[in-house]
Amino acid sequence: MSIFDVGERTDFATTMEESLICAISKDDFKSFVEKNPNLNLEISKLIGFRMRKYSERIAE
């Protein structure tokens, strides 16, 4: 989601087992998504799903 946000990210995650974390710059990720239309579609679906979920929470 941070690709659409200009502010600093405040989210974090905790792993339940040893994990390898990989990072990519926002510009590199944006370029990669622009070159991969299927990934772009999947990200759009994910964003829509999250927005619907948040809207349902607000409605409750």
N, C-alpha and C. Protein backbone atom coordinates (compact mmCIF):
# COMPACT_ATOMS: atom_id res chain seq x y z
N MET A 1 0.81 -1.20 0.00
CA MET A 1 0.00 0.00 0.00
C MET A 1 0.86 1.27 0.00
N SER A 2 2.09 1.14 0.43
CA SER A 2 2.92 2.34 0.54
C SER A 2 3.26 2.96 -0.80
N ILE A 3 3.07 2.23 -1.88
CA ILE A 3 3.35 2.82 -3.20
C ILE A 3 2.43 4.01 -3.47
N PHE A 4 1.26 4.04 -2.83
CA PHE A 4 0.30 5.12 -3.04
C PHE A 4 0.37 6.19 -1.96
N ASP A 5 1.20 5.98 -0.97
CA ASP A 5 1.28 6.87 0.19
C ASP A 5 2.62 7.59 0.19
N VAL A 6 2.59 8.89 0.43
CA VAL A 6 3.84 9.64 0.46
C VAL A 6 4.43 9.73 1.86
N GLY A 7 3.64 9.40 2.86
CA GLY A 7 4.11 9.50 4.24
C GLY A 7 4.95 8.30 4.66
N GLU A 8 5.52 8.42 5.83
CA GLU A 8 6.32 7.33 6.39
C GLU A 8 5.41 6.19 6.82
N ARG A 9 5.83 4.97 6.59
CA ARG A 9 5.05 3.79 6.97
C ARG A 9 5.16 3.56 8.46
N THR A 10 4.05 3.21 9.07
CA THR A 10 4.03 2.94 10.50
C THR A 10 3.63 1.50 10.80
N ASP A 11 3.34 0.72 9.77
CA ASP A 11 2.95 -0.68 9.96
C ASP A 11 4.18 -1.53 10.27
N PHE A 12 3.94 -2.64 10.91
CA PHE A 12 5.02 -3.57 11.16
C PHE A 12 4.45 -4.97 11.21
N ALA A 13 5.33 -5.94 11.17
CA ALA A 13 4.91 -7.34 11.21
C ALA A 13 5.83 -8.10 12.16
N THR A 14 5.32 -9.15 12.74
CA THR A 14 6.10 -10.04 13.59
C THR A 14 6.01 -11.44 13.01
N THR A 15 7.15 -12.08 12.85
CA THR A 15 7.14 -13.43 12.30
C THR A 15 7.00 -14.45 13.42
N MET A 16 6.45 -15.58 13.09
CA MET A 16 6.28 -16.64 14.07
C MET A 16 7.43 -17.64 13.98
N GLU A 17 8.25 -17.52 12.97
CA GLU A 17 9.42 -18.39 12.81
C GLU A 17 10.51 -17.59 12.11
N GLU A 18 11.70 -18.11 12.07
CA GLU A 18 12.80 -17.42 11.42
C GLU A 18 12.43 -17.14 9.97
N SER A 19 12.69 -15.91 9.53
CA SER A 19 12.26 -15.49 8.20
C SER A 19 13.34 -14.68 7.51
N LEU A 20 13.29 -14.68 6.21
CA LEU A 20 14.16 -13.85 5.39
C LEU A 20 13.31 -12.70 4.86
N ILE A 21 13.73 -11.49 5.12
CA ILE A 21 12.98 -10.30 4.70
C ILE A 21 13.74 -9.63 3.56
N CYS A 22 13.04 -9.34 2.49
CA CYS A 22 13.64 -8.65 1.34
C CYS A 22 12.96 -7.30 1.19
N ALA A 23 13.72 -6.29 0.86
CA ALA A 23 13.18 -4.94 0.68
C ALA A 23 13.42 -4.48 -0.75
N ILE A 24 12.54 -3.61 -1.22
CA ILE A 24 12.66 -3.03 -2.55
C ILE A 24 12.25 -1.57 -2.43
N SER A 25 12.94 -0.70 -3.14
CA SER A 25 12.59 0.72 -3.08
C SER A 25 11.24 0.94 -3.76
N LYS A 26 10.59 2.00 -3.37
CA LYS A 26 9.28 2.32 -3.94
C LYS A 26 9.39 2.53 -5.44
N ASP A 27 10.44 3.20 -5.90
CA ASP A 27 10.61 3.46 -7.33
C ASP A 27 10.85 2.17 -8.10
N ASP A 28 11.67 1.26 -7.56
CA ASP A 28 11.92 -0.02 -8.22
C ASP A 28 10.64 -0.85 -8.28
N PHE A 29 9.87 -0.85 -7.20
CA PHE A 29 8.62 -1.61 -7.18
C PHE A 29 7.63 -1.04 -8.19
N LYS A 30 7.53 0.26 -8.23
CA LYS A 30 6.62 0.90 -9.18
C LYS A 30 6.99 0.54 -10.62
N SER A 31 8.27 0.58 -10.94
CA SER A 31 8.74 0.21 -12.27
C SER A 31 8.42 -1.25 -12.57
N PHE A 32 8.63 -2.13 -11.61
CA PHE A 32 8.35 -3.55 -11.79
C PHE A 32 6.87 -3.80 -12.06
N VAL A 33 6.01 -3.14 -11.30
CA VAL A 33 4.57 -3.30 -11.46
C VAL A 33 4.12 -2.77 -12.82
N GLU A 34 4.69 -1.67 -13.25
CA GLU A 34 4.32 -1.11 -14.56
C GLU A 34 4.68 -2.06 -15.70
N LYS A 35 5.72 -2.85 -15.52
CA LYS A 35 6.17 -3.79 -16.56
C LYS A 35 5.48 -5.15 -16.47
N ASN A 36 4.66 -5.37 -15.43
CA ASN A 36 3.99 -6.66 -15.22
C ASN A 36 2.50 -6.44 -15.00
N PRO A 37 1.72 -6.37 -16.08
CA PRO A 37 0.29 -6.07 -15.97
C PRO A 37 -0.48 -7.04 -15.09
N ASN A 38 -0.12 -8.32 -15.08
CA ASN A 38 -0.84 -9.28 -14.24
C ASN A 38 -0.64 -8.96 -12.76
N LEU A 39 0.57 -8.58 -12.39
CA LEU A 39 0.82 -8.19 -11.01
C LEU A 39 0.04 -6.94 -10.66
N ASN A 40 -0.01 -6.00 -11.59
CA ASN A 40 -0.76 -4.77 -11.40
C ASN A 40 -2.23 -5.08 -11.12
N LEU A 41 -2.80 -6.03 -11.87
CA LEU A 41 -4.19 -6.43 -11.68
C LEU A 41 -4.39 -7.05 -10.30
N GLU A 42 -3.49 -7.93 -9.89
CA GLU A 42 -3.61 -8.58 -8.59
C GLU A 42 -3.51 -7.58 -7.44
N ILE A 43 -2.63 -6.61 -7.58
CA ILE A 43 -2.50 -5.57 -6.55
C ILE A 43 -3.79 -4.74 -6.48
N SER A 44 -4.36 -4.43 -7.64
CA SER A 44 -5.62 -3.69 -7.67
C SER A 44 -6.73 -4.47 -6.98
N LYS A 45 -6.79 -5.78 -7.20
CA LYS A 45 -7.79 -6.62 -6.53
C LYS A 45 -7.58 -6.59 -5.02
N LEU A 46 -6.34 -6.69 -4.59
CA LEU A 46 -6.02 -6.67 -3.16
C LEU A 46 -6.44 -5.35 -2.52
N ILE A 47 -6.18 -4.26 -3.19
CA ILE A 47 -6.56 -2.95 -2.67
C ILE A 47 -8.08 -2.84 -2.57
N GLY A 48 -8.79 -3.32 -3.60
CA GLY A 48 -10.25 -3.31 -3.57
C GLY A 48 -10.80 -4.15 -2.43
N PHE A 49 -10.21 -5.33 -2.21
CA PHE A 49 -10.63 -6.19 -1.11
C PHE A 49 -10.44 -5.50 0.24
N ARG A 50 -9.28 -4.87 0.42
CA ARG A 50 -9.02 -4.18 1.69
C ARG A 50 -9.98 -3.01 1.89
N MET A 51 -10.24 -2.27 0.83
CA MET A 51 -11.18 -1.14 0.96
C MET A 51 -12.57 -1.62 1.33
N ARG A 52 -13.01 -2.72 0.73
CA ARG A 52 -14.33 -3.27 1.06
C ARG A 52 -14.36 -3.73 2.51
N LYS A 53 -13.29 -4.37 2.96
CA LYS A 53 -13.22 -4.84 4.34
C LYS A 53 -13.27 -3.67 5.32
N TYR A 54 -12.54 -2.60 5.01
CA TYR A 54 -12.55 -1.43 5.89
C TYR A 54 -13.92 -0.75 5.88
N SER A 55 -14.56 -0.71 4.73
CA SER A 55 -15.89 -0.10 4.64
C SER A 55 -16.90 -0.89 5.48
N GLU A 56 -16.78 -2.21 5.45
CA GLU A 56 -17.68 -3.04 6.26
C GLU A 56 -17.44 -2.81 7.75
N ARG A 57 -16.20 -2.65 8.14
CA ARG A 57 -15.89 -2.37 9.56
C ARG A 57 -16.50 -1.03 9.98
N ILE A 58 -16.38 -0.03 9.12
CA ILE A 58 -16.93 1.28 9.44
C ILE A 58 -18.45 1.21 9.57
N ALA A 59 -19.08 0.46 8.67
CA ALA A 59 -20.54 0.33 8.68
C ALA A 59 -21.03 -0.33 9.96
N GLU A 60 -20.24 -1.26 10.50
CA GLU A 60 -20.65 -1.94 11.74
C GLU A 60 -20.59 -0.99 12.91
